[in-house]
Amino acid sequence: MCLGKEFSRLEVLAFLHNIVTSFRWDLLIPDEKIEYDPMATPANGLPIRLYPHRPICGKL
């Protein structure tokens, strides 16, 4: 087991958790093609637009 690999995995998971819980997003290219070579990869890199969640009135 590589300690650096596990640490980087944890960092990516923490980053994704913060993005998912703090923002909502829209796909800029909704019908983007997926290329399979050998992994599935969006043809244009899957561009998104992020919007911050607005706090509910009276809550922080």
Protein backbone atom coordinates (compact mmCIF):
# COMPACT_ATOMS: atom_id res chain seq x y z
CA MET A 1 0.00 0.00 0.00
CA CYS A 2 1.36 3.41 -0.98
CA LEU A 3 0.80 6.05 1.69
CA GLY A 4 0.96 8.89 -0.86
CA LYS A 5 -1.70 7.27 -3.03
CA GLU A 6 -4.06 6.87 -0.07
CA PHE A 7 -3.44 10.46 1.05
CA SER A 8 -4.16 11.84 -2.42
CA ARG A 9 -7.33 9.71 -2.60
CA LEU A 10 -8.49 11.22 0.70
CA GLU A 11 -7.71 14.74 -0.55
CA VAL A 12 -9.76 14.20 -3.73
CA LEU A 13 -12.69 12.80 -1.72
CA ALA A 14 -12.63 15.80 0.64
CA PHE A 15 -12.51 18.22 -2.31
CA LEU A 16 -15.44 16.50 -4.06
CA HIS A 17 -17.47 16.51 -0.83
CA ASN A 18 -16.96 20.28 -0.48
CA ILE A 19 -17.91 20.92 -4.12
CA VAL A 20 -21.04 18.75 -3.95
CA THR A 21 -22.27 20.21 -0.65
CA SER A 22 -21.40 23.86 -1.37
CA PHE A 23 -22.35 24.27 -5.03
CA ARG A 24 -24.88 23.25 -7.64
CA TRP A 25 -23.86 22.97 -11.27
CA ASP A 26 -25.12 22.88 -14.84
CA LEU A 27 -23.47 21.09 -17.73
CA LEU A 28 -22.41 23.54 -20.43
CA ILE A 29 -22.65 20.81 -23.10
CA PRO A 30 -25.62 18.62 -22.02
CA ASP A 31 -25.28 16.07 -24.87
CA GLU A 32 -21.50 15.75 -24.76
CA LYS A 33 -20.10 12.58 -26.35
CA ILE A 34 -18.14 10.03 -24.32
CA GLU A 35 -14.96 8.57 -25.83
CA TYR A 36 -13.93 5.05 -24.77
CA ASP A 37 -10.19 4.65 -25.09
CA PRO A 38 -9.60 2.53 -22.74
CA MET A 39 -11.43 4.59 -20.08
CA ALA A 40 -14.64 6.54 -20.54
CA THR A 41 -13.68 10.22 -20.99
CA PRO A 42 -15.88 13.18 -21.97
CA ALA A 43 -14.89 14.45 -25.44
CA ASN A 44 -14.63 18.13 -24.36
CA GLY A 45 -13.57 17.66 -20.74
CA LEU A 46 -17.11 17.99 -19.25
CA PRO A 47 -17.22 21.78 -18.71
CA ILE A 48 -19.62 22.89 -15.96
CA ARG A 49 -20.86 26.17 -14.49
CA LEU A 50 -20.87 26.34 -10.67
CA TYR A 51 -23.42 28.26 -8.60
CA PRO A 52 -23.02 28.66 -4.82
CA HIS A 53 -25.87 27.42 -2.66
CA ARG A 54 -27.74 30.30 -1.07
CA PRO A 55 -28.28 29.97 2.69
CA ILE A 56 -31.89 29.52 3.76
CA CYS A 57 -33.30 32.66 5.36
CA GLY A 58 -32.47 32.74 9.09
CA LYS A 59 -29.92 29.89 8.95
CA LEU A 60 -26.16 30.13 8.58
